[in-house]
Amino acid sequence: MKKNGFVFIESVTVLIVVILSLTLLVASYSLAVRKSKENQNYNLPSDKYLLYSIVNLGNIPQVLNGNSSFALDKSNCNAKLSDKISNCSKMFEENNIVYLIVVHDLKNELEHGSPQNYNSGTIEYLKTLKRCEDQSCSIRKSYVVGVFYRKGEYYYASLEI
């Protein structure tokens, strides 16, 4: 009596189970790595405190222009904050700030904003922030996001304004 057909079906079944197990294992591992990176590089207390100080010192909520989002870096911060901070570019250099972003409508910025304005790490960080999902939201959250570059890595922090 030949059992070649049974051995083939059994081999295919075992192979499918092994492939599905490996796929689930890789997905779980990638989630764990992403969460680990978030814990290491996102919202460090020192970065949040620095961002809080800059927002209050520069009076960022009054600098806001309507509902437009904007980014400040060391080349254009003097234009926006010159009356509040005397040497803005020096402050950016000393604190390793790449740029500060003011985002009024996070959902709209992620869906319709220009992705060339942000690097991929910034986009991933923006996706972690809470946003208004339905159309009937009367209060949209505005954020100030700080992007810092230290020791060859980007760090992110945000404050709701």
Foldseek 3Di string as FASTA:
>chain_A
DDCVVVVVVVVVVVVVVVVVVVVVVVVVVVVVVVVVCCVVFEADVVVQVVVVVCCVQQVVVVLDDPQDKDKDALVCVCVSRCVRDPRSNVVCVVQQWGMKIKHFALVCCLPPNDCVVDDPVVSVVSVPDDFDDDPPDPHTWIKIKTWGADPRDIHIYMDTD
